[in-house]
Amino acid sequence: MQSRLLSALILWMLSLPAVAVDIMVIDQSTGKTLKDVVLMANDLVLPVTPSGTFSIADFQPLRLRARAHGYQRTEVNLHAGVDEVVMSLKPIRPRAIYLSTYGICSRELREDALALIDQTELNALVIDVKGDRGQELFQTQASDANDTAANANMRKLIQGLKAKGIYLIGRVVVFKDEPLSTRHPEWSVKAPSGKTWRDKEGLGWIDPFQTSAWSHSLGLAEKAADMGFDEIQFDYLRFPDARGLKFSKPNTAEARVNAINAFLDQARRQLQRHNVFISADVFGYVLWNTNDTDIGQQLEAIIARVDYLSPMLYPSGFTWGIPGHPDAAAAPFEVVNHSLLRALERTGVDGVRVRPWLQAFRDYAFDKRVFGAEQIRQQIQAAEALGTDGWMLWNARNRYSSDGLSEP
């Protein structure tokens, strides 16, 4: 009986004329309408009207999901009978520290990081989904309905971090992948001898031209998005910076740039339905060089394909300095500020589209100085002076202190 009544109700509803629903997305703090918004109805991206609003003619239940640069994502469920929806986005500037797969799984390092978030201006974490040596945070083979115990525990951990209001960035190391190059030597970068090439750490890399290999990193990115990460950050999204290597296609600047662009285009297609932000790490000198720095990273091409650009502006990484400052370690403010200024001038984007990596480790290239409170604060001030979308502190050991950080 109930089944027949439900069927009759559905048939009656289907006979009703579609009702237009007007949707507006606003800044939670100002109440102003946001125009640079991606709004999705279920898995469909809705076109924005000239006034900055959206409209959909459908009474069917929908999940509306919105995101915009510089704001936290949000979603609401739309039901029949509603003809107007106002969605508000909360502004956020992620101020993050990095944790490796070991760091997030270590109770000591994780709790130290969370305590620092409670005590300082920090509000975000960058967590390795796939690390520098191919370590993976979870298994992609497990379905949502059949998670492994490890995946279930990780999902619970991520949900707990989200409940604390922490913005989560999932770092996926792409082409530096020793385990994958070992399992699939046909995908690996080759030495002149034709054997798998390995870098100074003894690690193999994936040939970026091998599109069949992309699915592994992209699968992990999708799983991270499903787990609840707000943003997927691709690192080592480049060709190795070594000479004389062999690839499956001619190693020209145009071919390199096209390969990196194609990967990001594919990433956006696959991740779109998850309503996550996409970012990419690039060498600091990419902001200064007009070519691809011989690694496939061309500034204007990459920033057109990501939500956030994440340049690695560690002063120690600027071995040849920057104009006017040959000793980069002695000029942390200038290195960060001048590099970001150059990027903004070249691309014409707002500072909210850029979030730099900053140095929270001892110098290794100049005089081995400690980067303590003064150096860290100078880098932060240099980034914030240009209105960036926050910043991220890198320390490979996952050891951080409150040095250089402000109170909440």
Protein backbone atom coordinates (compact mmCIF):
# COMPACT_ATOMS: atom_id res chain seq x y z
CA MET A 1 0.00 0.00 0.00
CA GLN A 2 2.73 2.45 1.01
CA SER A 3 4.67 1.60 -2.14
CA ARG A 4 1.64 2.42 -4.35
CA LEU A 5 1.08 5.72 -2.53
CA LEU A 6 4.73 6.67 -2.94
CA SER A 7 4.63 5.85 -6.65
CA ALA A 8 1.49 7.93 -7.07
CA LEU A 9 3.11 10.85 -5.25
CA ILE A 10 6.19 10.69 -7.47
CA LEU A 11 4.04 10.63 -10.62
CA TRP A 12 2.08 13.64 -9.35
CA MET A 13 5.27 15.57 -8.60
CA LEU A 14 6.64 14.79 -12.05
CA SER A 15 3.51 16.33 -13.57
CA LEU A 16 4.15 19.65 -11.80
CA PRO A 17 5.78 22.49 -13.73
CA ALA A 18 9.42 23.12 -12.91
CA VAL A 19 9.95 25.89 -10.40
CA ALA A 20 12.88 28.24 -10.87
CA VAL A 21 15.19 28.47 -7.88
CA ASP A 22 17.36 31.56 -7.59
CA ILE A 23 20.67 31.03 -5.80
CA MET A 24 22.96 33.68 -4.41
CA VAL A 25 26.41 33.12 -2.89
CA ILE A 26 27.60 35.78 -0.47
CA ASP A 27 30.62 36.67 1.66
CA GLN A 28 29.70 35.66 5.20
CA SER A 29 31.55 38.60 6.74
CA THR A 30 30.28 41.37 4.45
CA GLY A 31 27.04 40.04 2.98
CA LYS A 32 28.18 41.04 -0.50
CA THR A 33 27.44 38.82 -3.49
CA LEU A 34 30.43 36.82 -4.70
CA LYS A 35 30.81 36.60 -8.46
CA ASP A 36 33.93 34.45 -8.84
CA VAL A 37 32.20 31.32 -7.58
CA VAL A 38 31.98 27.71 -8.68
CA LEU A 39 28.52 26.38 -7.82
CA MET A 40 27.56 22.76 -8.37
CA ALA A 41 24.13 21.17 -8.34
CA ASN A 42 24.93 17.55 -7.55
CA ASP A 43 27.79 16.99 -10.04
CA LEU A 44 26.78 19.69 -12.53
CA VAL A 45 28.52 23.08 -12.59
CA LEU A 46 25.92 25.85 -12.89
CA PRO A 47 26.58 28.88 -15.11
CA VAL A 48 26.70 32.23 -13.35
CA THR A 49 24.42 35.06 -14.51
CA PRO A 50 25.78 38.55 -15.26
CA SER A 51 24.51 39.70 -11.86
CA GLY A 52 26.57 37.04 -10.12
CA THR A 53 23.61 34.87 -9.14
CA PHE A 54 22.59 31.39 -10.28
CA SER A 55 19.28 29.86 -11.31
CA ILE A 56 18.05 26.33 -11.72
CA ALA A 57 14.63 25.11 -12.82
CA ASP A 58 14.19 21.81 -11.02
CA PHE A 59 12.21 20.75 -7.95
CA GLN A 60 14.22 17.57 -7.50
CA PRO A 61 16.29 17.34 -4.31
CA LEU A 62 19.76 18.69 -5.03
CA ARG A 63 23.02 19.03 -3.20
CA LEU A 64 24.35 22.53 -3.81
CA ARG A 65 28.09 22.96 -3.28
CA ALA A 66 29.94 26.25 -3.61
CA ARG A 67 33.56 27.32 -3.50
CA ALA A 68 35.49 30.50 -4.25
CA HIS A 69 39.10 31.58 -3.94
CA GLY A 70 39.88 32.73 -0.41
CA TYR A 71 36.85 31.07 1.15
CA GLN A 72 35.94 27.80 2.79
CA ARG A 73 33.73 25.45 0.81
CA THR A 74 30.12 24.98 1.80
CA GLU A 75 27.11 22.92 0.77
CA VAL A 76 23.35 22.79 1.37
CA ASN A 77 20.62 20.38 0.41
CA LEU A 78 17.87 21.89 -1.76
CA HIS A 79 14.36 20.46 -1.40
CA ALA A 80 11.06 20.97 -3.20
CA GLY A 81 9.15 24.13 -2.43
CA VAL A 82 12.19 26.38 -2.16
CA ASP A 83 12.43 29.21 -4.66
CA GLU A 84 15.41 31.11 -3.25
CA VAL A 85 18.66 30.03 -1.62
CA VAL A 86 21.39 32.17 -0.09
CA MET A 87 24.70 30.41 0.53
CA SER A 88 27.36 32.17 2.58
CA LEU A 89 31.08 31.44 2.30
CA LYS A 90 33.44 32.08 5.19
CA PRO A 91 36.71 33.84 4.31
CA ILE A 92 39.87 31.95 5.22
CA ARG A 93 43.59 32.44 4.74
CA PRO A 94 45.23 29.06 5.43
CA ARG A 95 48.32 29.34 7.63
CA ALA A 96 49.71 25.84 7.62
CA ILE A 97 52.47 23.53 8.74
CA TYR A 98 53.48 20.36 6.93
CA LEU A 99 53.18 16.79 8.21
CA SER A 100 54.45 13.75 6.33
CA THR A 101 52.60 10.43 6.34
CA TYR A 102 54.74 9.48 9.34
CA GLY A 103 54.04 12.82 11.01
CA ILE A 104 50.26 12.60 10.80
CA CYS A 105 50.32 8.97 11.99
CA SER A 106 52.69 9.70 14.88
CA ARG A 107 50.66 10.62 17.95
CA GLU A 108 53.51 12.75 19.29
CA LEU A 109 54.07 14.80 16.14
CA ARG A 110 50.35 15.08 15.42
CA GLU A 111 49.49 16.26 18.92
CA ASP A 112 52.38 18.74 18.90
CA ALA A 113 51.04 20.16 15.63
CA LEU A 114 47.48 20.39 16.95
CA ALA A 115 48.66 22.09 20.14
CA LEU A 116 50.50 24.66 18.05
CA ILE A 117 47.34 25.28 16.02
CA ASP A 118 45.44 25.89 19.26
CA GLN A 119 48.08 28.27 20.60
CA THR A 120 48.98 30.31 17.51
CA GLU A 121 47.62 31.83 14.31
CA LEU A 122 47.97 28.48 12.51
CA ASN A 123 44.70 27.09 11.14
CA ALA A 124 45.69 24.52 8.51
CA LEU A 125 47.71 21.38 7.83
CA VAL A 126 49.44 20.14 4.70
CA ILE A 127 49.44 16.35 4.94
CA ASP A 128 51.21 13.92 2.64
CA VAL A 129 48.75 11.78 0.72
CA LYS A 130 51.70 10.48 -1.29
CA GLY A 131 55.13 11.46 -0.01
CA ASP A 132 58.59 12.01 -1.48
CA ARG A 133 59.47 8.30 -1.27
CA GLY A 134 56.08 7.08 -2.46
CA GLN A 135 54.59 6.51 0.99
CA GLU A 136 50.80 6.54 0.74
CA LEU A 137 48.34 7.61 3.40
CA PHE A 138 45.60 5.16 2.45
CA GLN A 139 44.61 2.50 -0.05
CA THR A 140 42.75 3.57 -3.18
CA GLN A 141 41.48 0.09 -3.99
CA ALA A 142 39.05 0.10 -1.08
CA SER A 143 35.59 1.41 -1.94
CA ASP A 144 33.71 3.82 0.28
CA ALA A 145 31.41 1.02 1.35
CA ASN A 146 34.27 -1.37 2.03
CA ASP A 147 37.09 0.65 3.58
CA THR A 148 40.02 -1.22 5.02
CA ALA A 149 40.52 -0.81 8.75
CA ALA A 150 43.43 1.55 8.06
CA ASN A 151 41.34 3.65 5.70
CA ALA A 152 38.46 3.76 8.16
CA ASN A 153 40.79 4.97 10.89
CA MET A 154 42.25 7.62 8.60
CA ARG A 155 38.77 8.77 7.58
CA LYS A 156 37.87 9.11 11.25
CA LEU A 157 41.07 11.07 11.94
CA ILE A 158 40.40 13.45 9.05
CA GLN A 159 36.82 13.99 10.18
CA GLY A 160 38.15 14.81 13.64
CA LEU A 161 40.55 17.40 12.22
CA LYS A 162 37.73 18.94 10.17
CA ALA A 163 35.56 19.10 13.29
CA LYS A 164 38.26 21.28 14.85
CA GLY A 165 37.91 23.72 11.97
CA ILE A 166 41.29 22.88 10.44
CA TYR A 167 41.72 23.50 6.71
CA LEU A 168 43.23 20.36 5.19
CA ILE A 169 45.55 20.27 2.19
CA GLY A 170 46.45 16.86 0.75
CA ARG A 171 49.94 16.88 -0.79
CA VAL A 172 50.41 14.42 -3.67
CA VAL A 173 53.96 13.93 -4.94
CA VAL A 174 53.43 13.11 -8.61
CA PHE A 175 56.41 12.18 -10.78
CA LYS A 176 59.02 11.40 -8.12
CA ASP A 177 57.76 7.92 -7.34
CA GLU A 178 60.24 5.15 -6.60
CA PRO A 179 57.65 2.40 -5.86
CA LEU A 180 55.68 3.04 -9.05
CA SER A 181 58.77 3.30 -11.25
CA THR A 182 60.00 -0.01 -9.80
CA ARG A 183 56.68 -1.74 -10.46
CA HIS A 184 56.45 -0.24 -13.94
CA PRO A 185 59.95 0.33 -15.31
CA GLU A 186 58.37 0.99 -18.71
CA TRP A 187 57.01 4.25 -17.23
CA SER A 188 60.24 5.38 -15.64
CA VAL A 189 62.66 8.12 -16.64
CA LYS A 190 65.67 6.46 -18.26
CA ALA A 191 69.39 7.06 -17.90
CA PRO A 192 71.47 7.36 -21.13
CA SER A 193 72.14 3.62 -20.78
CA GLY A 194 68.41 2.92 -21.10
CA LYS A 195 68.08 1.68 -17.52
CA THR A 196 65.82 3.32 -14.94
CA TRP A 197 67.42 6.58 -13.81
CA ARG A 198 67.58 7.40 -10.12
CA ASP A 199 68.22 10.77 -8.51
CA LYS A 200 70.78 11.66 -5.82
CA GLU A 201 68.56 10.02 -3.21
CA GLY A 202 68.46 6.80 -5.23
CA LEU A 203 64.82 7.31 -6.17
CA GLY A 204 63.23 6.61 -9.53
CA TRP A 205 60.92 9.02 -11.34
CA ILE A 206 57.95 8.58 -13.63
CA ASP A 207 58.26 9.93 -17.16
CA PRO A 208 55.63 12.74 -17.27
CA PHE A 209 54.88 11.86 -20.90
CA GLN A 210 53.59 8.45 -19.78
CA THR A 211 49.92 9.33 -19.39
CA SER A 212 49.04 5.79 -18.31
CA ALA A 213 50.96 6.44 -15.09
CA TRP A 214 48.91 9.51 -14.17
CA SER A 215 45.95 7.50 -12.91
CA HIS A 216 47.84 6.39 -9.80
CA SER A 217 48.40 9.89 -8.43
CA LEU A 218 45.01 11.09 -9.60
CA GLY A 219 43.32 8.13 -7.92
CA LEU A 220 44.97 9.05 -4.64
CA ALA A 221 43.91 12.66 -5.14
CA GLU A 222 40.30 11.60 -5.64
CA LYS A 223 40.40 9.40 -2.56
CA ALA A 224 41.80 12.28 -0.52
CA ALA A 225 38.99 14.52 -1.75
CA ASP A 226 36.45 11.87 -0.80
CA MET A 227 38.07 11.56 2.64
CA GLY A 228 37.39 15.25 3.31
CA PHE A 229 40.49 17.20 2.28
CA ASP A 230 39.65 20.76 1.23
CA GLU A 231 42.45 21.05 -1.28
CA ILE A 232 44.69 18.79 -3.33
CA GLN A 233 48.24 20.06 -3.77
CA PHE A 234 50.41 18.49 -6.45
CA ASP A 235 54.16 18.52 -5.79
CA TYR A 236 57.05 17.29 -7.95
CA LEU A 237 54.77 18.14 -10.82
CA ARG A 238 57.77 18.53 -13.07
CA PHE A 239 60.54 16.88 -15.02
CA PRO A 240 63.76 16.01 -13.15
CA ASP A 241 66.31 18.84 -13.09
CA ALA A 242 69.10 16.68 -14.46
CA ARG A 243 70.80 16.57 -17.86
CA GLY A 244 71.05 13.81 -20.43
CA LEU A 245 67.95 11.84 -19.42
CA LYS A 246 65.80 9.84 -21.80
CA PHE A 247 62.03 10.18 -22.08
CA SER A 248 59.35 8.57 -24.22
CA LYS A 249 58.97 11.79 -26.25
CA PRO A 250 61.42 14.46 -27.41
CA ASN A 251 62.45 16.52 -24.38
CA THR A 252 61.64 19.99 -25.71
CA ALA A 253 60.40 22.97 -23.70
CA GLU A 254 57.07 22.96 -25.53
CA ALA A 255 56.56 19.24 -24.95
CA ARG A 256 57.45 19.53 -21.26
CA VAL A 257 55.04 22.41 -20.67
CA ASN A 258 52.28 20.64 -22.58
CA ALA A 259 52.73 17.50 -20.46
CA ILE A 260 52.43 19.39 -17.16
CA ASN A 261 49.46 21.36 -18.46
CA ALA A 262 47.74 18.18 -19.64
CA PHE A 263 48.16 16.55 -16.23
CA LEU A 264 46.55 19.53 -14.51
CA ASP A 265 43.73 19.60 -17.05
CA GLN A 266 43.05 15.92 -16.36
CA ALA A 267 43.23 16.53 -12.60
CA ARG A 268 40.61 19.26 -12.84
CA ARG A 269 38.28 17.04 -14.85
CA GLN A 270 38.53 14.17 -12.36
CA LEU A 271 38.37 16.28 -9.21
CA GLN A 272 35.61 18.64 -10.30
CA ARG A 273 32.81 16.50 -8.88
CA HIS A 274 34.49 16.55 -5.45
CA ASN A 275 34.30 20.35 -5.17
CA VAL A 276 37.90 20.63 -3.94
CA PHE A 277 40.50 23.27 -4.62
CA ILE A 278 43.59 22.38 -6.67
CA SER A 279 47.06 23.81 -6.07
CA ALA A 280 50.53 23.13 -7.44
CA ASP A 281 54.01 23.57 -5.98
CA VAL A 282 56.61 25.22 -8.20
CA PHE A 283 60.28 26.12 -7.84
CA GLY A 284 60.93 29.63 -6.57
CA TYR A 285 62.91 30.53 -9.67
CA VAL A 286 59.84 29.72 -11.82
CA LEU A 287 58.48 33.11 -10.69
CA TRP A 288 61.58 34.79 -12.14
CA ASN A 289 62.22 32.72 -15.27
CA THR A 290 60.10 33.32 -18.34
CA ASN A 291 60.89 29.87 -19.75
CA ASP A 292 59.94 26.53 -18.18
CA THR A 293 63.13 26.38 -16.05
CA ASP A 294 63.89 23.21 -18.05
CA ILE A 295 61.41 21.24 -15.93
CA GLY A 296 58.05 21.98 -17.59
CA GLN A 297 56.93 24.58 -15.03
CA GLN A 298 55.89 27.76 -16.83
CA LEU A 299 54.28 30.29 -14.49
CA GLU A 300 51.46 31.66 -16.61
CA ALA A 301 50.49 28.21 -17.90
CA ILE A 302 50.25 26.63 -14.46
CA ILE A 303 48.42 29.43 -12.67
CA ALA A 304 45.73 29.34 -15.36
CA ARG A 305 44.97 25.73 -14.37
CA VAL A 306 45.00 25.81 -10.57
CA ASP A 307 43.10 27.58 -7.83
CA TYR A 308 46.25 28.32 -5.86
CA LEU A 309 49.89 28.54 -6.87
CA SER A 310 52.29 27.39 -4.15
CA PRO A 311 55.82 28.61 -4.93
CA MET A 312 58.60 27.22 -2.76
CA LEU A 313 60.20 30.47 -1.63
CA TYR A 314 62.74 29.06 0.80
CA PRO A 315 65.67 31.52 0.77
CA SER A 316 68.04 28.54 0.90
CA GLY A 317 66.57 27.37 -2.41
CA PHE A 318 67.68 30.54 -4.21
CA THR A 319 71.27 29.35 -4.65
CA TRP A 320 72.12 32.19 -7.04
CA GLY A 321 70.17 34.77 -5.04
CA ILE A 322 67.73 37.24 -6.57
CA PRO A 323 68.45 40.64 -8.15
CA GLY A 324 70.01 42.86 -5.50
CA HIS A 325 70.31 40.05 -2.97
CA PRO A 326 72.95 37.46 -3.88
CA ASP A 327 72.94 36.08 -0.31
CA ALA A 328 69.32 34.94 -0.21
CA ALA A 329 69.55 33.47 3.30
CA ALA A 330 70.36 36.94 4.64
CA ALA A 331 67.30 38.48 2.99
CA PRO A 332 64.22 36.38 3.85
CA PHE A 333 61.77 39.28 3.56
CA GLU A 334 63.12 40.45 0.21
CA VAL A 335 63.28 36.96 -1.31
CA VAL A 336 59.64 36.20 -0.49
CA ASN A 337 58.24 39.66 -1.17
CA HIS A 338 60.10 40.37 -4.41
CA SER A 339 59.39 36.89 -5.80
CA LEU A 340 55.68 37.15 -5.09
CA LEU A 341 55.52 40.67 -6.48
CA ARG A 342 57.09 39.46 -9.71
CA ALA A 343 54.55 36.62 -9.96
CA LEU A 344 51.60 38.94 -9.42
CA GLU A 345 52.90 41.43 -11.98
CA ARG A 346 53.46 38.71 -14.58
CA THR A 347 50.13 36.94 -14.16
CA GLY A 348 47.82 39.79 -13.20
CA VAL A 349 46.08 37.63 -10.61
CA ASP A 350 45.09 38.77 -7.16
CA GLY A 351 47.28 37.80 -4.21
CA VAL A 352 44.56 35.44 -3.02
CA ARG A 353 45.55 33.06 -5.83
CA VAL A 354 49.05 32.54 -4.39
CA ARG A 355 50.06 30.78 -1.17
CA PRO A 356 53.83 30.37 -0.70
CA TRP A 357 55.88 27.77 1.08
CA LEU A 358 58.17 29.40 3.67
CA GLN A 359 61.37 28.12 5.28
CA ALA A 360 61.22 26.72 8.83
CA PHE A 361 64.50 24.78 8.73
CA ARG A 362 68.21 25.53 8.97
CA ASP A 363 69.89 27.04 5.92
CA TYR A 364 71.83 24.53 3.83
CA ALA A 365 73.12 26.63 0.94
CA PHE A 366 74.83 29.69 2.40
CA ASP A 367 76.05 29.99 6.00
CA LYS A 368 73.98 27.25 7.71
CA ARG A 369 72.17 29.82 9.84
CA VAL A 370 69.16 28.80 11.91
CA PHE A 371 65.85 30.08 10.61
CA GLY A 372 64.26 31.12 13.87
CA ALA A 373 61.63 33.60 15.00
CA GLU A 374 63.04 36.62 13.15
CA GLN A 375 63.53 34.88 9.80
CA ILE A 376 60.16 33.12 9.94
CA ARG A 377 58.31 36.31 10.87
CA GLN A 378 60.00 38.26 8.09
CA GLN A 379 58.85 35.69 5.52
CA ILE A 380 55.29 35.78 6.85
CA GLN A 381 55.20 39.57 6.77
CA ALA A 382 56.55 39.56 3.22
CA ALA A 383 53.75 37.28 2.06
CA GLU A 384 50.97 39.02 3.96
CA ALA A 385 52.07 42.43 2.69
CA LEU A 386 50.91 41.34 -0.77
CA GLY A 387 47.59 39.86 0.39
CA THR A 388 48.44 36.25 -0.32
CA ASP A 389 46.11 33.38 0.47
CA GLY A 390 48.03 32.59 3.63
CA TRP A 391 51.31 30.66 3.73
CA MET A 392 52.77 27.27 4.63
CA LEU A 393 55.79 26.41 6.77
CA TRP A 394 58.00 23.53 5.66
CA ASN A 395 60.14 21.41 7.93
CA ALA A 396 60.89 17.92 6.64
CA ARG A 397 61.36 16.67 10.23
CA ASN A 398 57.85 17.86 11.14
CA ARG A 399 59.26 19.73 14.14
CA TYR A 400 57.84 23.19 14.74
CA SER A 401 57.72 25.76 17.52
CA SER A 402 55.83 29.00 18.08
CA ASP A 403 58.91 30.98 16.98
CA GLY A 404 57.81 33.72 14.61
CA LEU A 405 54.10 32.93 14.97
CA SER A 406 51.46 35.25 16.36
CA GLU A 407 48.74 34.35 18.81
CA PRO A 408 45.29 33.33 17.43
